[in-house]
Every structure is written in structure tokens, then in C-alpha cells.
Amino acid sequence: MLTLWEQSSGEFSAATPGLHHLSFQVDSVRQVQQVEAILKQLSTVFVHDGVVAHREGATSGGIFFTDPDGIRLEVFAASGAEQHQAPVGDAPTCGFF
């Protein structure tokens, strides 16, 4: 079980030790895109525009965004993202947001 609590005040601090980001795996890139569409309706702040590969040439990829507290989140599929580019070349996408 994983329980997430809303911060009582302020935002998640990216400058202190702790959680880098929280990732959720779905079965397909199509499901990633469905989640993205729902999040766009909720005015979610995205780190990248659309689905991006985890690194250049990777089959896995996803969307990266922040929650209202500033916590970095990811929804990804393990395969099917071959046609999507990585925003950071050969570096891992999930390490640079």
C-alpha cells in the first residue's frame, strides 16, 4: 500500500534529500496518452510536451509532470515509445526533470 498525503503548506522542496519522482507504469503508450489527455483537462503542468522516450532509441517512454505540491510524477509504458524522441539525447529522461 502506498499512501500519499497533501502538504499542509508550501511545496515539495527539490533542494533537499528525499523523493526524486514517483512513477506509475501502464500497459501501453496509448494508455499513457489517455492519462495525458485527462491531466490536460485538469490543467496539469507538464515537464515535456507529450510522450517522450526514456532515452534516445529506447522503447520505453512516458509523460512527466508535477502535482499541485510540486512533486514530480511520471506515467510510462515499458514498450511502444520507439517513435518518440528523448528530450535530453542519450541521458535518461527521468533523471533530468
PDB file of N, CA and C in Angstrom:
ATOM      1  N   MET A   1       0.841  -1.159   0.000  1.00  0.00           N
ATOM      2  CA  MET A   1       0.000   0.000   0.000  1.00  0.00           C
ATOM      3  C   MET A   1       0.896   1.235   0.000  1.00  0.00           C
ATOM      4  N   LEU A   2       0.509   2.215  -0.753  1.00  0.00           N
ATOM      5  CA  LEU A   2       1.207   3.486  -0.812  1.00  0.00           C
ATOM      6  C   LEU A   2       0.201   4.572  -0.486  1.00  0.00           C
ATOM      7  N   THR A   3       0.515   5.380   0.487  1.00  0.00           N
ATOM      8  CA  THR A   3      -0.368   6.474   0.868  1.00  0.00           C
ATOM      9  C   THR A   3       0.323   7.787   0.564  1.00  0.00           C
ATOM     10  N   LEU A   4      -0.359   8.665  -0.134  1.00  0.00           N
ATOM     11  CA  LEU A   4       0.178   9.983  -0.451  1.00  0.00           C
ATOM     12  C   LEU A   4      -0.623  11.026   0.319  1.00  0.00           C
ATOM     13  N   TRP A   5       0.088  11.942   0.938  1.00  0.00           N
ATOM     14  CA  TRP A   5      -0.555  12.992   1.717  1.00  0.00           C
ATOM     15  C   TRP A   5      -0.280  14.336   1.076  1.00  0.00           C
ATOM     16  N   GLU A   6      -1.265  15.198   1.088  1.00  0.00           N
ATOM     17  CA  GLU A   6      -1.088  16.553   0.586  1.00  0.00           C
ATOM     18  C   GLU A   6      -0.288  17.352   1.607  1.00  0.00           C
ATOM     19  N   GLN A   7       0.649  18.160   1.120  1.00  0.00           N
ATOM     20  CA  GLN A   7       1.418  19.023   2.008  1.00  0.00           C
ATOM     21  C   GLN A   7       0.457  19.975   2.716  1.00  0.00           C
ATOM     22  N   SER A   8       0.684  20.225   3.990  1.00  0.00           N
ATOM     23  CA  SER A   8      -0.195  21.141   4.714  1.00  0.00           C
ATOM     24  C   SER A   8       0.066  22.589   4.324  1.00  0.00           C
ATOM     25  N   SER A   9       1.309  22.873   3.943  1.00  0.00           N
ATOM     26  CA  SER A   9       1.641  24.216   3.475  1.00  0.00           C
ATOM     27  C   SER A   9       2.907  24.140   2.634  1.00  0.00           C
ATOM     28  N   GLY A  10       3.077  25.099   1.762  1.00  0.00           N
ATOM     29  CA  GLY A  10       4.277  25.139   0.932  1.00  0.00           C
ATOM     30  C   GLY A  10       4.263  24.081  -0.153  1.00  0.00           C
ATOM     31  N   GLU A  11       5.414  23.924  -0.805  1.00  0.00           N
ATOM     32  CA  GLU A  11       5.565  22.954  -1.877  1.00  0.00           C
ATOM     33  C   GLU A  11       6.667  21.977  -1.539  1.00  0.00           C
ATOM     34  N   PHE A  12       6.714  20.887  -2.267  1.00  0.00           N
ATOM     35  CA  PHE A  12       7.777  19.902  -2.173  1.00  0.00           C
ATOM     36  C   PHE A  12       9.106  20.583  -2.491  1.00  0.00           C
ATOM     37  N   SER A  13      10.105  20.383  -1.675  1.00  0.00           N
ATOM     38  CA  SER A  13      11.406  21.008  -1.894  1.00  0.00           C
ATOM     39  C   SER A  13      12.283  20.114  -2.758  1.00  0.00           C
ATOM     40  N   ALA A  14      12.652  20.605  -3.927  1.00  0.00           N
ATOM     41  CA  ALA A  14      13.543  19.862  -4.819  1.00  0.00           C
ATOM     42  C   ALA A  14      14.997  19.995  -4.382  1.00  0.00           C
ATOM     43  N   ALA A  15      15.276  20.843  -3.391  1.00  0.00           N
ATOM     44  CA  ALA A  15      16.648  21.115  -2.971  1.00  0.00           C
ATOM     45  C   ALA A  15      17.088  20.281  -1.768  1.00  0.00           C
ATOM     46  N   THR A  16      16.213  19.449  -1.227  1.00  0.00           N
ATOM     47  CA  THR A  16      16.574  18.653  -0.058  1.00  0.00           C
ATOM     48  C   THR A  16      16.484  17.164  -0.389  1.00  0.00           C
ATOM     49  N   PRO A  17      17.174  16.319   0.389  1.00  0.00           N
ATOM     50  CA  PRO A  17      17.113  14.882   0.135  1.00  0.00           C
ATOM     51  C   PRO A  17      15.682  14.360   0.242  1.00  0.00           C
ATOM     52  N   GLY A  18      15.423  13.306  -0.495  1.00  0.00           N
ATOM     53  CA  GLY A  18      14.098  12.696  -0.439  1.00  0.00           C
ATOM     54  C   GLY A  18      13.693  12.150  -1.784  1.00  0.00           C
ATOM     55  N   LEU A  19      12.442  12.170  -2.059  1.00  0.00           N
ATOM     56  CA  LEU A  19      11.868  11.621  -3.279  1.00  0.00           C
ATOM     57  C   LEU A  19      12.309  12.409  -4.507  1.00  0.00           C
ATOM     58  N   HIS A  20      12.863  11.711  -5.514  1.00  0.00           N
ATOM     59  CA  HIS A  20      13.183  12.370  -6.790  1.00  0.00           C
ATOM     60  C   HIS A  20      11.925  12.502  -7.631  1.00  0.00           C
ATOM     61  N   HIS A  21      11.269  11.379  -7.885  1.00  0.00           N
ATOM     62  CA  HIS A  21       9.970  11.394  -8.551  1.00  0.00           C
ATOM     63  C   HIS A  21       9.273  10.061  -8.328  1.00  0.00           C
ATOM     64  N   LEU A  22       7.985  10.050  -8.547  1.00  0.00           N
ATOM     65  CA  LEU A  22       7.179   8.851  -8.377  1.00  0.00           C
ATOM     66  C   LEU A  22       6.659   8.453  -9.746  1.00  0.00           C
ATOM     67  N   SER A  23       6.800   7.172 -10.086  1.00  0.00           N
ATOM     68  CA  SER A  23       6.475   6.699 -11.427  1.00  0.00           C
ATOM     69  C   SER A  23       5.413   5.609 -11.375  1.00  0.00           C
ATOM     70  N   PHE A  24       4.514   5.653 -12.350  1.00  0.00           N
ATOM     71  CA  PHE A  24       3.450   4.658 -12.461  1.00  0.00           C
ATOM     72  C   PHE A  24       3.507   4.032 -13.845  1.00  0.00           C
ATOM     73  N   GLN A  25       3.540   2.703 -13.911  1.00  0.00           N
ATOM     74  CA  GLN A  25       3.604   2.001 -15.189  1.00  0.00           C
ATOM     75  C   GLN A  25       2.207   1.589 -15.645  1.00  0.00           C
ATOM     76  N   VAL A  26       1.938   1.808 -16.941  1.00  0.00           N
ATOM     77  CA  VAL A  26       0.708   1.333 -17.572  1.00  0.00           C
ATOM     78  C   VAL A  26       1.100   0.372 -18.688  1.00  0.00           C
ATOM     79  N   ASP A  27       0.122  -0.260 -19.311  1.00  0.00           N
ATOM     80  CA  ASP A  27       0.408  -1.321 -20.274  1.00  0.00           C
ATOM     81  C   ASP A  27       0.833  -0.850 -21.659  1.00  0.00           C
ATOM     82  N   SER A  28       0.479   0.373 -22.055  1.00  0.00           N
ATOM     83  CA  SER A  28       0.770   0.804 -23.426  1.00  0.00           C
ATOM     84  C   SER A  28       0.944   2.317 -23.510  1.00  0.00           C
ATOM     85  N   VAL A  29       1.575   2.758 -24.592  1.00  0.00           N
ATOM     86  CA  VAL A  29       1.727   4.194 -24.836  1.00  0.00           C
ATOM     87  C   VAL A  29       0.347   4.823 -25.030  1.00  0.00           C
ATOM     88  N   ARG A  30      -0.557   4.087 -25.624  1.00  0.00           N
ATOM     89  CA  ARG A  30      -1.931   4.599 -25.778  1.00  0.00           C
ATOM     90  C   ARG A  30      -2.535   4.933 -24.410  1.00  0.00           C
ATOM     91  N   GLN A  31      -2.309   4.098 -23.412  1.00  0.00           N
ATOM     92  CA  GLN A  31      -2.808   4.394 -22.066  1.00  0.00           C
ATOM     93  C   GLN A  31      -2.106   5.617 -21.479  1.00  0.00           C
ATOM     94  N   VAL A  32      -0.818   5.767 -21.760  1.00  0.00           N
ATOM     95  CA  VAL A  32      -0.099   6.971 -21.315  1.00  0.00           C
ATOM     96  C   VAL A  32      -0.776   8.201 -21.909  1.00  0.00           C
ATOM     97  N   GLN A  33      -1.098   8.142 -23.198  1.00  0.00           N
ATOM     98  CA  GLN A  33      -1.736   9.270 -23.874  1.00  0.00           C
ATOM     99  C   GLN A  33      -3.141   9.534 -23.331  1.00  0.00           C
ATOM    100  N   GLN A  34      -3.844   8.499 -22.920  1.00  0.00           N
ATOM    101  CA  GLN A  34      -5.163   8.686 -22.308  1.00  0.00           C
ATOM    102  C   GLN A  34      -5.040   9.402 -20.963  1.00  0.00           C
ATOM    103  N   VAL A  35      -4.053   9.015 -20.176  1.00  0.00           N
ATOM    104  CA  VAL A  35      -3.803   9.693 -18.900  1.00  0.00           C
ATOM    105  C   VAL A  35      -3.421  11.147 -19.161  1.00  0.00           C
ATOM    106  N   GLU A  36      -2.574  11.372 -20.161  1.00  0.00           N
ATOM    107  CA  GLU A  36      -2.162  12.735 -20.515  1.00  0.00           C
ATOM    108  C   GLU A  36      -3.375  13.600 -20.860  1.00  0.00           C
ATOM    109  N   ALA A  37      -4.306  13.067 -21.636  1.00  0.00           N
ATOM    110  CA  ALA A  37      -5.499  13.826 -22.023  1.00  0.00           C
ATOM    111  C   ALA A  37      -6.319  14.232 -20.797  1.00  0.00           C
ATOM    112  N   ILE A  38      -6.468  13.321 -19.860  1.00  0.00           N
ATOM    113  CA  ILE A  38      -7.206  13.627 -18.628  1.00  0.00           C
ATOM    114  C   ILE A  38      -6.481  14.701 -17.826  1.00  0.00           C
ATOM    115  N   LEU A  39      -5.158  14.558 -17.700  1.00  0.00           N
ATOM    116  CA  LEU A  39      -4.380  15.534 -16.929  1.00  0.00           C
ATOM    117  C   LEU A  39      -4.410  16.916 -17.570  1.00  0.00           C
ATOM    118  N   LYS A  40      -4.427  16.978 -18.902  1.00  0.00           N
ATOM    119  CA  LYS A  40      -4.522  18.276 -19.590  1.00  0.00           C
ATOM    120  C   LYS A  40      -5.841  18.963 -19.259  1.00  0.00           C
ATOM    121  N   GLN A  41      -6.917  18.194 -19.160  1.00  0.00           N
ATOM    122  CA  GLN A  41      -8.218  18.763 -18.797  1.00  0.00           C
ATOM    123  C   GLN A  41      -8.192  19.346 -17.387  1.00  0.00           C
ATOM    124  N   LEU A  42      -7.285  18.835 -16.559  1.00  0.00           N
ATOM    125  CA  LEU A  42      -7.157  19.304 -15.179  1.00  0.00           C
ATOM    126  C   LEU A  42      -6.106  20.398 -15.033  1.00  0.00           C
ATOM    127  N   SER A  43      -5.616  20.913 -16.178  1.00  0.00           N
ATOM    128  CA  SER A  43      -4.605  21.990 -16.211  1.00  0.00           C
ATOM    129  C   SER A  43      -3.305  21.600 -15.526  1.00  0.00           C
ATOM    130  N   THR A  44      -2.911  20.355 -15.683  1.00  0.00           N
ATOM    131  CA  THR A  44      -1.662  19.855 -15.116  1.00  0.00           C
ATOM    132  C   THR A  44      -0.473  20.524 -15.788  1.00  0.00           C
ATOM    133  N   VAL A  45       0.573  20.778 -15.018  1.00  0.00           N
ATOM    134  CA  VAL A  45       1.811  21.346 -15.555  1.00  0.00           C
ATOM    135  C   VAL A  45       2.715  20.195 -15.988  1.00  0.00           C
ATOM    136  N   PHE A  46       3.037  20.138 -17.284  1.00  0.00           N
ATOM    137  CA  PHE A  46       3.889  19.088 -17.831  1.00  0.00           C
ATOM    138  C   PHE A  46       5.322  19.579 -17.977  1.00  0.00           C
ATOM    139  N   VAL A  47       6.268  18.673 -17.807  1.00  0.00           N
ATOM    140  CA  VAL A  47       7.687  18.994 -17.951  1.00  0.00           C
ATOM    141  C   VAL A  47       8.082  18.973 -19.423  1.00  0.00           C
ATOM    142  N   HIS A  48       7.546  18.027 -20.185  1.00  0.00           N
ATOM    143  CA  HIS A  48       7.818  17.894 -21.616  1.00  0.00           C
ATOM    144  C   HIS A  48       6.485  17.885 -22.353  1.00  0.00           C
ATOM    145  N   ASP A  49       6.538  18.189 -23.640  1.00  0.00           N
ATOM    146  CA  ASP A  49       5.330  18.210 -24.454  1.00  0.00           C
ATOM    147  C   ASP A  49       5.044  16.816 -24.995  1.00  0.00           C
ATOM    148  N   GLY A  50       4.070  16.133 -24.440  1.00  0.00           N
ATOM    149  CA  GLY A  50       3.679  14.813 -24.912  1.00  0.00           C
ATOM    150  C   GLY A  50       4.572  13.703 -24.400  1.00  0.00           C
ATOM    151  N   VAL A  51       4.387  12.521 -24.993  1.00  0.00           N
ATOM    152  CA  VAL A  51       5.170  11.339 -24.617  1.00  0.00           C
ATOM    153  C   VAL A  51       6.603  11.513 -25.096  1.00  0.00           C
ATOM    154  N   VAL A  52       7.552  11.208 -24.230  1.00  0.00           N
ATOM    155  CA  VAL A  52       8.974  11.249 -24.591  1.00  0.00           C
ATOM    156  C   VAL A  52       9.607   9.907 -24.237  1.00  0.00           C
ATOM    157  N   ALA A  53      10.623   9.528 -25.013  1.00  0.00           N
ATOM    158  CA  ALA A  53      11.359   8.292 -24.734  1.00  0.00           C
ATOM    159  C   ALA A  53      12.198   8.473 -23.476  1.00  0.00           C
ATOM    160  N   HIS A  54      12.471   7.374 -22.782  1.00  0.00           N
ATOM    161  CA  HIS A  54      13.306   7.446 -21.577  1.00  0.00           C
ATOM    162  C   HIS A  54      14.745   7.827 -21.905  1.00  0.00           C
ATOM    163  N   ARG A  55      15.202   7.508 -23.078  1.00  0.00           N
ATOM    164  CA  ARG A  55      16.492   7.961 -23.610  1.00  0.00           C
ATOM    165  C   ARG A  55      16.424   7.751 -25.108  1.00  0.00           C
ATOM    166  N   GLU A  56      17.320   8.336 -25.861  1.00  0.00           N
ATOM    167  CA  GLU A  56      17.299   8.206 -27.318  1.00  0.00           C
ATOM    168  C   GLU A  56      17.388   6.735 -27.711  1.00  0.00           C
ATOM    169  N   GLY A  57      16.466   6.276 -28.550  1.00  0.00           N
ATOM    170  CA  GLY A  57      16.452   4.897 -29.009  1.00  0.00           C
ATOM    171  C   GLY A  57      15.753   3.917 -28.083  1.00  0.00           C
ATOM    172  N   ALA A  58      15.257   4.375 -26.964  1.00  0.00           N
ATOM    173  CA  ALA A  58      14.590   3.483 -26.004  1.00  0.00           C
ATOM    174  C   ALA A  58      13.194   3.106 -26.494  1.00  0.00           C
ATOM    175  N   THR A  59      12.745   1.933 -26.100  1.00  0.00           N
ATOM    176  CA  THR A  59      11.372   1.524 -26.416  1.00  0.00           C
ATOM    177  C   THR A  59      10.396   2.006 -25.353  1.00  0.00           C
ATOM    178  N   SER A  60      10.889   2.332 -24.172  1.00  0.00           N
ATOM    179  CA  SER A  60      10.031   2.809 -23.085  1.00  0.00           C
ATOM    180  C   SER A  60       9.955   4.329 -23.104  1.00  0.00           C
ATOM    181  N   GLY A  61       8.866   4.845 -22.582  1.00  0.00           N
ATOM    182  CA  GLY A  61       8.709   6.288 -22.511  1.00  0.00           C
ATOM    183  C   GLY A  61       7.439   6.652 -21.783  1.00  0.00           C
ATOM    184  N   GLY A  62       7.275   7.946 -21.538  1.00  0.00           N
ATOM    185  CA  GLY A  62       6.098   8.367 -20.799  1.00  0.00           C
ATOM    186  C   GLY A  62       5.931   9.862 -20.762  1.00  0.00           C
ATOM    187  N   ILE A  63       5.088  10.293 -19.842  1.00  0.00           N
ATOM    188  CA  ILE A  63       4.845  11.711 -19.614  1.00  0.00           C
ATOM    189  C   ILE A  63       5.377  12.072 -18.235  1.00  0.00           C
ATOM    190  N   PHE A  64       5.825  13.308 -18.108  1.00  0.00           N
ATOM    191  CA  PHE A  64       6.416  13.801 -16.866  1.00  0.00           C
ATOM    192  C   PHE A  64       5.701  15.087 -16.488  1.00  0.00           C
ATOM    193  N   PHE A  65       5.292  15.186 -15.229  1.00  0.00           N
ATOM    194  CA  PHE A  65       4.510  16.332 -14.793  1.00  0.00           C
ATOM    195  C   PHE A  65       4.671  16.510 -13.289  1.00  0.00           C
ATOM    196  N   THR A  66       4.106  17.579 -12.759  1.00  0.00           N
ATOM    197  CA  THR A  66       4.158  17.822 -11.318  1.00  0.00           C
ATOM    198  C   THR A  66       2.743  17.867 -10.757  1.00  0.00           C
ATOM    199  N   ASP A  67       2.627  17.465  -9.498  1.00  0.00           N
ATOM    200  CA  ASP A  67       1.327  17.554  -8.837  1.00  0.00           C
ATOM    201  C   ASP A  67       1.196  18.948  -8.219  1.00  0.00           C
ATOM    202  N   PRO A  68       0.058  19.274  -7.607  1.00  0.00           N
ATOM    203  CA  PRO A  68      -0.121  20.619  -7.044  1.00  0.00           C
ATOM    204  C   PRO A  68       0.911  21.013  -5.984  1.00  0.00           C
ATOM    205  N   ASP A  69       1.553  20.035  -5.331  1.00  0.00           N
ATOM    206  CA  ASP A  69       2.585  20.335  -4.338  1.00  0.00           C
ATOM    207  C   ASP A  69       3.966  20.461  -4.967  1.00  0.00           C
ATOM    208  N   GLY A  70       4.074  20.232  -6.281  1.00  0.00           N
ATOM    209  CA  GLY A  70       5.371  20.306  -6.949  1.00  0.00           C
ATOM    210  C   GLY A  70       6.114  18.982  -6.996  1.00  0.00           C
ATOM    211  N   ILE A  71       5.495  17.894  -6.543  1.00  0.00           N
ATOM    212  CA  ILE A  71       6.140  16.578  -6.603  1.00  0.00           C
ATOM    213  C   ILE A  71       6.150  16.110  -8.050  1.00  0.00           C
ATOM    214  N   ARG A  72       7.308  15.643  -8.501  1.00  0.00           N
ATOM    215  CA  ARG A  72       7.470  15.206  -9.883  1.00  0.00           C
ATOM    216  C   ARG A  72       6.905  13.796 -10.056  1.00  0.00           C
ATOM    217  N   LEU A  73       6.076  13.627 -11.071  1.00  0.00           N
ATOM    218  CA  LEU A  73       5.410  12.356 -11.334  1.00  0.00           C
ATOM    219  C   LEU A  73       5.632  11.928 -12.777  1.00  0.00           C
ATOM    220  N   GLU A  74       5.511  10.626 -13.004  1.00  0.00           N
ATOM    221  CA  GLU A  74       5.690  10.057 -14.338  1.00  0.00           C
ATOM    222  C   GLU A  74       4.674   8.940 -14.530  1.00  0.00           C
ATOM    223  N   VAL A  75       4.110   8.856 -15.732  1.00  0.00           N
ATOM    224  CA  VAL A  75       3.312   7.705 -16.154  1.00  0.00           C
ATOM    225  C   VAL A  75       3.997   7.191 -17.407  1.00  0.00           C
ATOM    226  N   PHE A  76       4.347   5.896 -17.425  1.00  0.00           N
ATOM    227  CA  PHE A  76       5.123   5.378 -18.553  1.00  0.00           C
ATOM    228  C   PHE A  76       4.659   3.996 -18.978  1.00  0.00           C
ATOM    229  N   ALA A  77       5.072   3.634 -20.196  1.00  0.00           N
ATOM    230  CA  ALA A  77       4.882   2.282 -20.722  1.00  0.00           C
ATOM    231  C   ALA A  77       6.263   1.711 -21.002  1.00  0.00           C
ATOM    232  N   ALA A  78       6.438   0.426 -20.742  1.00  0.00           N
ATOM    233  CA  ALA A  78       7.746  -0.219 -20.903  1.00  0.00           C
ATOM    234  C   ALA A  78       8.123  -0.425 -22.363  1.00  0.00           C
ATOM    235  N   SER A  79       7.155  -0.353 -23.260  1.00  0.00           N
ATOM    236  CA  SER A  79       7.456  -0.511 -24.688  1.00  0.00           C
ATOM    237  C   SER A  79       6.458   0.293 -25.507  1.00  0.00           C
ATOM    238  N   GLY A  80       6.806   0.499 -26.782  1.00  0.00           N
ATOM    239  CA  GLY A  80       5.912   1.205 -27.686  1.00  0.00           C
ATOM    240  C   GLY A  80       6.249   2.658 -27.912  1.00  0.00           C
ATOM    241  N   ALA A  81       7.316   3.159 -27.305  1.00  0.00           N
ATOM    242  CA  ALA A  81       7.664   4.580 -27.434  1.00  0.00           C
ATOM    243  C   ALA A  81       8.799   4.823 -28.428  1.00  0.00           C
ATOM    244  N   GLU A  82       9.064   3.847 -29.294  1.00  0.00           N
ATOM    245  CA  GLU A  82      10.198   3.953 -30.213  1.00  0.00           C
ATOM    246  C   GLU A  82      10.137   5.190 -31.104  1.00  0.00           C
ATOM    247  N   GLN A  83       8.936   5.624 -31.493  1.00  0.00           N
ATOM    248  CA  GLN A  83       8.796   6.759 -32.403  1.00  0.00           C
ATOM    249  C   GLN A  83       8.881   8.106 -31.695  1.00  0.00           C
ATOM    250  N   HIS A  84       8.987   8.094 -30.380  1.00  0.00           N
ATOM    251  CA  HIS A  84       9.061   9.342 -29.620  1.00  0.00           C
ATOM    252  C   HIS A  84      10.519   9.683 -29.310  1.00  0.00           C
ATOM    253  N   GLN A  85      10.850  10.960 -29.390  1.00  0.00           N
ATOM    254  CA  GLN A  85      12.221  11.397 -29.129  1.00  0.00           C
ATOM    255  C   GLN A  85      12.445  11.622 -27.641  1.00  0.00           C
ATOM    256  N   ALA A  86      13.709  11.503 -27.257  1.00  0.00           N
ATOM    257  CA  ALA A  86      14.108  11.829 -25.886  1.00  0.00           C
ATOM    258  C   ALA A  86      14.476  13.307 -25.843  1.00  0.00           C
ATOM    259  N   PRO A  87      14.037  14.032 -24.838  1.00  0.00           N
ATOM    260  CA  PRO A  87      14.332  15.467 -24.768  1.00  0.00           C
ATOM    261  C   PRO A  87      15.774  15.790 -24.403  1.00  0.00           C
ATOM    262  N   VAL A  88      16.530  14.799 -23.889  1.00  0.00           N
ATOM    263  CA  VAL A  88      17.882  15.066 -23.404  1.00  0.00           C
ATOM    264  C   VAL A  88      18.906  14.171 -24.100  1.00  0.00           C
ATOM    265  N   GLY A  89      18.688  13.800 -25.348  1.00  0.00           N
ATOM    266  CA  GLY A  89      19.646  12.966 -26.067  1.00  0.00           C
ATOM    267  C   GLY A  89      19.787  11.595 -25.461  1.00  0.00           C
ATOM    268  N   ASP A  90      21.036  11.188 -25.169  1.00  0.00           N
ATOM    269  CA  ASP A  90      21.254   9.831 -24.656  1.00  0.00           C
ATOM    270  C   ASP A  90      21.222   9.744 -23.133  1.00  0.00           C
ATOM    271  N   ALA A  91      20.963  10.851 -22.455  1.00  0.00           N
ATOM    272  CA  ALA A  91      20.854  10.836 -20.990  1.00  0.00           C
ATOM    273  C   ALA A  91      19.457  10.351 -20.594  1.00  0.00           C
ATOM    274  N   PRO A  92      19.315   9.748 -19.431  1.00  0.00           N
ATOM    275  CA  PRO A  92      17.993   9.266 -19.010  1.00  0.00           C
ATOM    276  C   PRO A  92      17.025  10.418 -18.744  1.00  0.00           C
ATOM    277  N   THR A  93      15.885  10.400 -19.398  1.00  0.00           N
ATOM    278  CA  THR A  93      14.896  11.466 -19.267  1.00  0.00           C
ATOM    279  C   THR A  93      14.433  11.632 -17.828  1.00  0.00           C
ATOM    280  N   CYS A  94      14.210  10.525 -17.128  1.00  0.00           N
ATOM    281  CA  CYS A  94      13.657  10.618 -15.773  1.00  0.00           C
ATOM    282  C   CYS A  94      14.648  11.205 -14.775  1.00  0.00           C
ATOM    283  N   GLY A  95      15.907  11.335 -15.143  1.00  0.00           N
ATOM    284  CA  GLY A  95      16.883  11.929 -14.242  1.00  0.00           C
ATOM    285  C   GLY A  95      17.064  13.421 -14.422  1.00  0.00           C
ATOM    286  N   PHE A  96      16.402  13.994 -15.435  1.00  0.00           N
ATOM    287  CA  PHE A  96      16.637  15.398 -15.767  1.00  0.00           C
ATOM    288  C   PHE A  96      15.362  16.214 -15.797  1.00  0.00           C
ATOM    289  N   PHE A  97      14.550  16.077 -14.773  1.00  0.00           N
ATOM    290  CA  PHE A  97      13.388  16.955 -14.679  1.00  0.00           C
ATOM    291  C   PHE A  97      13.102  17.239 -13.225  1.00  0.00           C
TER     292      PHE A  97
END
